[in-house]
Amino acid sequence: MANDDARGPAPQTSLIDDPGWIDVEVAYARPDAQLTVPCRVPVGTSVRDALRLSGLAEAFSEIDVDACPLGIFGQAVDGAQRVGPGDRVEVYRPLRINPREARRERQRGGKS
C-alpha cells in the first residue's frame, strides 16, 4: 500500500458528509414543460450561481441566466442572495402583459 503510513490509509471523504456543501433544488416551469433539478452546491453559493450549476439553462434555451428574475419558495430575491440548505430556487418567466392591463382588458371585454 503506497499511500498508507503508520496511521493507516487516509480517510475517504464524501460530498454527502462534507459540511462545505448543501443540497438545494432549482425549478423552472412553462405551460408545456417543467423541471426541478436537485443540486449540491458549495456553502455561500448565490441564487444565480445555483441556477448556473443546475444546468437548467442548457435544457431551456429561453433562460437568460444573467438577467432572469429568481425567487426562493415563491419570494422574489436578488440573484446575489445566498442559498440555504433545502432551498428551492425558482426561475421566473417574464410577464407577457402587465396584470393590471390584463384585468382592464378582461373588464372591457365583459362589458361589451
Protein backbone atom coordinates (compact mmCIF):
# COMPACT_ATOMS: atom_id res chain seq x y z
CA MET A 1 0.00 0.00 0.00
CA ALA A 2 1.87 3.00 -1.28
CA ASN A 3 -0.25 5.75 0.35
CA ASP A 4 -0.55 4.14 3.79
CA ASP A 5 1.58 5.25 6.69
CA ALA A 6 1.74 4.11 10.32
CA ARG A 7 -1.76 5.50 10.92
CA GLY A 8 -3.33 3.52 8.10
CA PRO A 9 -4.97 4.71 4.86
CA ALA A 10 -6.24 8.29 4.55
CA PRO A 11 -9.94 8.55 5.39
CA GLN A 12 -12.29 8.75 2.46
CA THR A 13 -14.29 11.96 2.25
CA SER A 14 -17.69 12.19 0.68
CA LEU A 15 -19.64 15.19 -0.54
CA ILE A 16 -22.61 13.76 1.33
CA ASP A 17 -20.88 14.35 4.67
CA ASP A 18 -18.92 17.44 3.64
CA PRO A 19 -20.10 20.43 5.68
CA GLY A 20 -18.91 22.74 2.90
CA TRP A 21 -21.78 21.64 0.63
CA ILE A 22 -25.57 21.99 0.79
CA ASP A 23 -28.48 20.50 -1.14
CA VAL A 24 -30.91 22.77 -2.98
CA GLU A 25 -33.40 22.42 -5.82
CA VAL A 26 -33.65 24.65 -8.89
CA ALA A 27 -37.04 24.75 -10.62
CA TYR A 28 -38.37 26.14 -13.89
CA ALA A 29 -41.79 25.76 -15.46
CA ARG A 30 -43.56 26.86 -18.58
CA PRO A 31 -47.00 25.78 -19.83
CA ASP A 32 -45.69 22.77 -21.76
CA ALA A 33 -42.81 21.60 -19.55
CA GLN A 34 -41.37 21.83 -16.08
CA LEU A 35 -38.21 20.61 -14.45
CA THR A 36 -36.87 20.59 -10.90
CA VAL A 37 -33.20 19.73 -10.55
CA PRO A 38 -31.69 18.66 -7.23
CA CYS A 39 -28.28 20.27 -6.84
CA ARG A 40 -25.40 20.06 -4.38
CA VAL A 41 -23.67 23.42 -4.19
CA PRO A 42 -20.89 24.92 -2.06
CA VAL A 43 -21.97 26.83 1.05
CA GLY A 44 -22.14 30.52 0.12
CA THR A 45 -23.40 29.92 -3.43
CA SER A 46 -25.63 32.69 -4.79
CA VAL A 47 -29.08 32.03 -6.18
CA ARG A 48 -27.85 32.93 -9.67
CA ASP A 49 -24.83 30.62 -9.38
CA ALA A 50 -27.10 27.78 -8.22
CA LEU A 51 -29.06 28.29 -11.44
CA ARG A 52 -25.82 28.13 -13.44
CA LEU A 53 -24.72 24.94 -11.66
CA SER A 54 -28.12 23.28 -12.17
CA GLY A 55 -27.82 23.10 -15.96
CA LEU A 56 -31.40 24.33 -16.48
CA ALA A 57 -30.25 26.96 -18.97
CA GLU A 58 -28.98 24.17 -21.21
CA ALA A 59 -32.36 22.40 -21.03
CA PHE A 60 -34.39 25.61 -21.61
CA SER A 61 -32.66 27.96 -24.05
CA GLU A 62 -35.02 30.84 -23.21
CA ILE A 63 -33.50 31.20 -19.73
CA ASP A 64 -31.16 34.20 -19.56
CA VAL A 65 -29.04 33.18 -16.58
CA ASP A 66 -27.64 36.68 -16.08
CA ALA A 67 -30.95 38.56 -16.18
CA CYS A 68 -33.92 36.31 -15.40
CA PRO A 69 -35.91 37.01 -12.23
CA LEU A 70 -35.35 34.48 -9.44
CA GLY A 71 -37.00 33.51 -6.18
CA ILE A 72 -36.84 31.13 -3.27
CA PHE A 73 -40.07 29.35 -2.30
CA GLY A 74 -42.26 31.91 -4.10
CA GLN A 75 -40.50 35.02 -2.81
CA ALA A 76 -38.58 37.13 -5.34
CA VAL A 77 -34.93 37.56 -4.36
CA ASP A 78 -31.86 39.29 -5.72
CA GLY A 79 -29.62 36.96 -7.71
CA ALA A 80 -26.74 37.65 -5.34
CA GLN A 81 -28.63 36.28 -2.32
CA ARG A 82 -27.04 33.14 -0.87
CA VAL A 83 -28.96 29.86 -0.90
CA GLY A 84 -29.53 27.87 2.27
CA PRO A 85 -29.88 24.13 2.84
CA GLY A 86 -33.09 22.80 1.32
CA ASP A 87 -33.95 25.99 -0.60
CA ARG A 88 -35.94 25.72 -3.83
CA VAL A 89 -34.61 28.30 -6.29
CA GLU A 90 -37.31 29.26 -8.78
CA VAL A 91 -36.66 30.74 -12.20
CA TYR A 92 -39.45 33.13 -13.19
CA ARG A 93 -40.56 33.86 -16.73
CA PRO A 94 -41.14 37.48 -17.71
CA LEU A 95 -44.76 38.61 -17.76
CA ARG A 96 -46.26 38.90 -21.23
CA ILE A 97 -48.67 41.58 -20.10
CA ASN A 98 -48.92 43.72 -17.02
CA PRO A 99 -51.50 42.11 -14.68
CA ARG A 100 -53.28 45.44 -14.26
CA GLU A 101 -53.61 45.78 -18.05
CA ALA A 102 -54.85 42.20 -18.35
CA ARG A 103 -57.56 42.91 -15.76
CA ARG A 104 -58.64 46.05 -17.66
CA GLU A 105 -58.80 44.09 -20.91
CA ARG A 106 -60.99 41.42 -19.30
CA GLN A 107 -63.32 44.08 -17.89
CA ARG A 108 -63.64 45.81 -21.25
CA GLY A 109 -64.42 42.50 -22.95
CA GLY A 110 -67.05 41.57 -20.35
CA LYS A 111 -68.99 44.86 -20.61
CA SER A 112 -69.39 44.80 -24.39
